[in-house]
Protein backbone atom coordinates (compact mmCIF):
# COMPACT_ATOMS: atom_id res chain seq x y z
CA UNK A 1 0.00 0.00 0.00
CA UNK A 2 1.27 3.44 -0.85
CA UNK A 3 1.78 5.74 2.14
CA UNK A 4 -0.93 8.08 3.36
CA UNK A 5 -0.28 11.62 2.22
CA UNK A 6 0.55 10.77 -1.37
CA UNK A 7 -2.66 12.45 -2.58
CA UNK A 8 -4.12 9.18 -3.87
CA UNK A 9 -6.98 7.29 -2.19
CA UNK A 10 -5.47 3.84 -1.77
CA UNK A 11 -7.31 0.68 -0.63
CA UNK A 12 -8.41 1.03 3.01
CA UNK A 13 -8.52 4.85 2.82
CA UNK A 14 -11.56 7.14 2.56
CA UNK A 15 -9.50 10.24 1.84
CA UNK A 16 -6.00 11.52 1.17
CA UNK A 17 -5.57 15.28 1.28
CA UNK A 18 -1.84 15.17 0.65
CA UNK A 19 -0.68 15.18 4.29
CA UNK A 20 -0.73 12.95 7.37
CA UNK A 21 -2.09 15.50 9.84
CA UNK A 22 -5.30 15.08 11.82
CA UNK A 23 -7.83 17.84 12.44
CA UNK A 24 -8.08 18.99 8.84
CA UNK A 25 -10.80 16.59 7.74
CA UNK A 26 -8.66 13.56 6.90
CA UNK A 27 -7.12 11.79 9.89
CA UNK A 28 -3.84 9.89 10.25
CA UNK A 29 -5.52 6.67 9.07
CA UNK A 30 -7.03 8.17 5.93
CA UNK A 31 -10.55 8.33 7.39
CA UNK A 32 -12.85 11.32 6.90
CA UNK A 33 -13.34 13.14 10.22
CA UNK A 34 -16.75 14.03 11.67
CA UNK A 35 -18.24 17.17 10.15
CA UNK A 36 -16.01 17.16 7.07
CA UNK A 37 -16.21 16.14 3.42
CA UNK A 38 -13.20 15.39 1.22
CA UNK A 39 -14.48 15.55 -2.36
CA UNK A 40 -11.11 15.76 -4.15
CA UNK A 41 -7.96 13.71 -3.45
CA UNK A 42 -4.81 15.77 -2.86
CA UNK A 43 -6.95 18.81 -2.00
CA UNK A 44 -8.04 20.30 1.34
CA UNK A 45 -11.14 18.80 2.91
CA UNK A 46 -14.16 21.06 3.47
CA UNK A 47 -16.12 21.47 6.71
CA UNK A 48 -19.92 21.65 6.61
CA UNK A 49 -20.94 25.18 7.59
CA UNK A 50 -24.71 25.13 7.20
CA UNK A 51 -27.43 24.19 4.77
CA UNK A 52 -29.75 25.29 2.05
CA UNK A 53 -33.43 24.34 2.35
CA UNK A 54 -35.26 22.86 -0.61
CA UNK A 55 -38.77 23.71 -1.75
CA UNK A 56 -41.33 23.45 1.06
CA UNK A 57 -44.04 20.80 0.90
CA UNK A 58 -46.90 20.02 3.26
CA UNK A 59 -46.32 17.59 6.11
CA UNK A 60 -50.04 17.45 6.91
CA UNK A 61 -52.50 19.54 8.86
CA UNK A 62 -54.14 19.66 12.28
CA UNK A 63 -57.67 21.11 12.23
CA UNK A 64 -60.13 22.12 9.51
CA UNK A 65 -60.23 24.86 6.91
CA UNK A 66 -62.29 27.94 7.68
CA UNK A 67 -61.89 31.69 7.85
CA UNK A 68 -58.86 33.41 6.38
CA UNK A 69 -55.82 31.60 5.07
CA UNK A 70 -52.29 32.41 6.25
CA UNK A 71 -48.73 31.47 5.38
CA UNK A 72 -45.66 32.27 7.45
CA UNK A 73 -42.13 31.06 6.76
CA UNK A 74 -38.72 31.47 8.37
CA UNK A 75 -36.09 33.53 6.57
CA UNK A 76 -32.97 32.22 4.85
CA UNK A 77 -30.75 30.31 7.25
CA UNK A 78 -33.51 29.94 9.84
CA UNK A 79 -35.79 27.10 10.85
CA UNK A 80 -38.77 26.73 13.18
CA UNK A 81 -37.92 25.93 16.79
CA UNK A 82 -41.11 26.79 18.70
CA UNK A 83 -44.43 28.58 19.05
CA UNK A 84 -45.81 31.13 21.52
CA UNK A 85 -49.44 30.25 22.25
CA UNK A 86 -52.30 32.51 23.40
CA UNK A 87 -55.55 31.18 24.85
CA UNK A 88 -59.06 31.86 23.55
CA UNK A 89 -60.36 33.80 26.53
CA UNK A 90 -60.93 36.81 24.27
CA UNK A 91 -63.63 35.04 22.28
CA UNK A 92 -67.08 33.92 23.55
CA UNK A 93 -67.16 31.35 20.72
CA UNK A 94 -64.56 29.16 22.42
CA UNK A 95 -65.67 26.00 24.19
CA UNK A 96 -63.06 26.60 26.89
CA UNK A 97 -60.72 29.52 27.52
CA UNK A 98 -57.67 27.22 27.44
CA UNK A 99 -58.34 26.42 23.79
CA UNK A 100 -55.71 27.76 21.36
CA UNK A 101 -56.80 31.27 20.35
CA UNK A 102 -53.72 32.25 18.37
CA UNK A 103 -50.05 31.40 18.08
CA UNK A 104 -46.79 32.99 16.95
CA UNK A 105 -44.19 30.70 15.31
CA UNK A 106 -40.59 31.24 16.47
CA UNK A 107 -37.55 30.86 14.17
CA UNK A 108 -33.86 30.65 15.04
CA UNK A 109 -30.55 30.97 13.24
CA UNK A 110 -28.68 27.71 12.82
CA UNK A 111 -25.03 27.12 13.72
CA UNK A 112 -22.89 24.01 13.31
CA UNK A 113 -20.06 22.74 15.51
CA UNK A 114 -16.81 21.01 14.53
CA UNK A 115 -18.43 17.57 14.70
CA UNK A 116 -21.18 18.61 12.28
CA UNK A 117 -23.98 18.89 14.84
CA UNK A 118 -26.56 21.60 14.13
CA UNK A 119 -27.58 23.83 17.04
CA UNK A 120 -29.34 27.15 17.58
CA UNK A 121 -29.22 29.87 20.19
CA UNK A 122 -30.93 33.15 21.04
CA UNK A 123 -31.76 35.62 19.72
CA UNK A 124 -34.71 34.10 17.88
CA UNK A 125 -37.21 35.89 15.68
CA UNK A 126 -41.02 35.81 15.77
CA UNK A 127 -43.15 35.37 12.68
CA UNK A 128 -46.54 36.93 12.14
CA UNK A 129 -49.32 35.94 14.51
CA UNK A 130 -51.65 33.14 13.44
CA UNK A 131 -55.21 33.65 14.67
CA UNK A 132 -57.78 36.42 14.79
CA UNK A 133 -57.56 39.24 17.28
CA UNK A 134 -61.10 38.41 18.42
CA UNK A 135 -59.89 35.15 19.88
CA UNK A 136 -56.61 36.11 21.45
CA UNK A 137 -56.50 36.23 25.22
CA UNK A 138 -53.70 35.78 27.71
CA UNK A 139 -50.46 34.00 26.84
CA UNK A 140 -51.03 30.31 27.45
CA UNK A 141 -47.33 29.52 27.26
CA UNK A 142 -44.42 28.91 24.91
CA UNK A 143 -43.30 25.59 23.44
CA UNK A 144 -39.68 25.49 22.27
CA UNK A 145 -37.43 22.69 21.10
CA UNK A 146 -34.19 22.34 23.06
CA UNK A 147 -31.30 24.17 21.39
CA UNK A 148 -29.91 21.02 19.81
CA UNK A 149 -33.24 20.14 18.17
CA UNK A 150 -35.53 21.55 15.50
CA UNK A 151 -39.26 21.45 14.85
CA UNK A 152 -40.34 18.57 12.60
CA UNK A 153 -44.08 18.59 13.26
CA UNK A 154 -47.12 19.44 15.33
CA UNK A 155 -49.46 17.21 17.29
CA UNK A 156 -52.83 18.68 18.18
CA UNK A 157 -56.36 18.11 19.40
CA UNK A 158 -59.23 19.25 17.20
CA UNK A 159 -62.62 20.50 18.42
CA UNK A 160 -65.09 18.04 16.89
CA UNK A 161 -68.21 19.78 18.18
CA UNK A 162 -70.69 20.02 15.21
CA UNK A 163 -71.15 23.72 16.00
CA UNK A 164 -67.41 24.38 15.79
CA UNK A 165 -65.13 24.83 12.78
CA UNK A 166 -62.68 22.12 13.76
CA UNK A 167 -60.51 24.59 15.72
CA UNK A 168 -57.21 23.48 17.23
CA UNK A 169 -57.85 23.02 20.96
CA UNK A 170 -54.34 22.04 22.04
CA UNK A 171 -50.86 21.74 20.63
CA UNK A 172 -47.61 19.87 21.16
CA UNK A 173 -44.38 20.07 19.15
CA UNK A 174 -42.26 17.24 17.78
CA UNK A 175 -38.51 18.01 17.71
CA UNK A 176 -35.44 16.16 16.40
CA UNK A 177 -31.66 16.55 16.17
CA UNK A 178 -29.96 17.11 12.81
CA UNK A 179 -26.38 16.03 12.12
CA UNK A 180 -24.09 16.15 9.11
CA UNK A 181 -23.41 12.53 8.14
CA UNK A 182 -20.01 12.03 6.55
CA UNK A 183 -19.76 9.61 3.64
CA UNK A 184 -16.92 9.02 1.13
CA UNK A 185 -19.27 9.75 -1.77
CA UNK A 186 -20.57 13.02 -0.27
CA UNK A 187 -22.21 14.06 2.97
CA UNK A 188 -25.85 14.55 3.87
CA UNK A 189 -27.89 15.94 6.76
CA UNK A 190 -29.66 13.24 8.77
CA UNK A 191 -32.41 13.44 11.39
CA UNK A 192 -32.49 11.58 14.69
CA UNK A 193 -35.48 10.05 16.44
CA UNK A 194 -37.94 12.70 17.62
CA UNK A 195 -39.19 13.67 21.05
CA UNK A 196 -42.12 15.82 22.16
CA UNK A 197 -42.47 19.04 24.09
CA UNK A 198 -45.20 19.45 26.69
CA UNK A 199 -48.83 20.21 25.83
CA UNK A 200 -50.62 23.55 25.72
CA UNK A 201 -54.39 23.69 25.45
CA UNK A 202 -57.61 22.06 26.50
CA UNK A 203 -57.12 18.34 25.76
CA UNK A 204 -54.47 15.71 25.10
CA UNK A 205 -53.23 16.07 21.46
CA UNK A 206 -54.11 13.16 19.17
CA UNK A 207 -53.66 14.34 15.55
CA UNK A 208 -50.26 14.48 13.81
CA UNK A 209 -48.81 16.73 11.10
CA UNK A 210 -45.22 15.50 10.80
CA UNK A 211 -42.45 16.07 8.24
CA UNK A 212 -41.32 12.86 6.56
CA UNK A 213 -37.84 11.50 5.93
CA UNK A 214 -35.04 13.80 7.12
CA UNK A 215 -36.99 17.02 6.51
CA UNK A 216 -37.74 19.72 9.08
CA UNK A 217 -40.31 22.49 9.45
CA UNK A 218 -39.57 25.85 7.83
CA UNK A 219 -43.02 27.42 8.00
CA UNK A 220 -46.70 27.04 8.88
CA UNK A 221 -49.73 27.41 6.63
CA UNK A 222 -53.40 27.06 7.36
CA UNK A 223 -56.58 28.91 8.23
CA UNK A 224 -57.98 31.02 11.07
CA UNK A 225 -61.29 32.54 11.96
CA UNK A 226 -61.66 34.06 15.40
CA UNK A 227 -59.53 31.10 16.57
CA UNK A 228 -56.90 28.89 14.96
CA UNK A 229 -58.82 26.52 12.67
CA UNK A 230 -55.90 24.71 11.09
CA UNK A 231 -52.13 24.39 11.30
CA UNK A 232 -50.41 22.97 8.21
CA UNK A 233 -46.70 22.18 8.66
CA UNK A 234 -44.43 23.13 5.76
CA UNK A 235 -41.39 20.83 5.47
CA UNK A 236 -38.10 21.09 3.58
CA UNK A 237 -35.19 18.78 2.89
CA UNK A 238 -31.75 20.16 3.75
CA UNK A 239 -28.62 20.14 1.59
CA UNK A 240 -25.26 20.83 3.28
CA UNK A 241 -23.12 23.82 2.37
CA UNK A 242 -19.36 23.88 2.98
CA UNK A 243 -16.79 26.23 4.41
CA UNK A 244 -14.08 26.58 1.81
CA UNK A 245 -16.22 26.44 -1.30
CA UNK A 246 -15.56 30.14 -1.89
CA UNK A 247 -19.21 31.15 -1.47
CA UNK A 248 -20.28 33.07 1.63
CA UNK A 249 -23.42 31.21 2.75
CA UNK A 250 -26.13 32.43 5.09
CA UNK A 251 -24.40 30.73 8.03
CA UNK A 252 -20.95 32.16 7.20
CA UNK A 253 -19.39 35.55 7.85
CA UNK A 254 -16.52 34.81 5.43
CA UNK A 255 -15.30 32.18 2.97
CA UNK A 256 -11.77 32.50 1.67
CA UNK A 257 -11.84 29.31 -0.36
CA UNK A 258 -10.21 27.05 2.22
CA UNK A 259 -11.04 25.31 5.49
CA UNK A 260 -7.95 26.41 7.38
CA UNK A 261 -7.98 28.40 10.63
CA UNK A 262 -5.51 31.16 11.49
CA UNK A 263 -5.81 33.08 8.24
CA UNK A 264 -8.65 35.39 9.27
CA UNK A 265 -11.46 32.96 8.41
CA UNK A 266 -11.75 29.84 10.61
CA UNK A 267 -12.84 26.27 9.85
CA UNK A 268 -16.50 27.21 10.35
CA UNK A 269 -16.11 30.24 8.06
CA UNK A 270 -16.45 32.74 10.88
CA UNK A 271 -14.21 35.81 10.85
CA UNK A 272 -11.28 35.51 13.27
């Protein structure tokens, strides 16, 4: 076997970036390190720095159509991480005051660590309110995924009273971790098993609207009258972007065409 560092991927190696140093994406055994991709032999490896989201598609809905339609979506480089929920005490039409009167989706900027794990941190941004002003009462609470997880769906309880419009009575969020998965033929962003937040509202949630595959939620669509009638989860598949590709992505403050620290632009493409 030819020695590692010759710039050729020999049998038993996943990569060969032309040196035998660890910490640059290709370790001392010729294996691709976590959070990196090595697309070209005898060239520097690239670290994943973020993602681009594909076209959004529906992951299903909780509730029934009725009233005005709405559509709210996170901005570039952001994903949904929670909702702020208001009760229906402001509307006499509600069966119970703890029913969901309106909600405000919450988005957060994404960051990625050296191992390729996606995280988020404050500050977050609020989207437009979903629900009519006639229904909004006091804040019922806020549901937020932990800062290493992202929203992948909503579980709710629907008012099935024949005199109602199928309003959403309660809500729970489904959240999952996202990690860059290294592979010799090119990396991808994979989703872990999901967990649930607590419940807000009148009854135990029993209807799902969940993103499939490895997608996550990037927006909410649906309908509202005086109360929230429907929540439709918009889902998108993620494609990794790389530090060192020469393009300054939405998660980068710089990109000097390499994945080397100490030259003013670090391995995560943040200015030094």
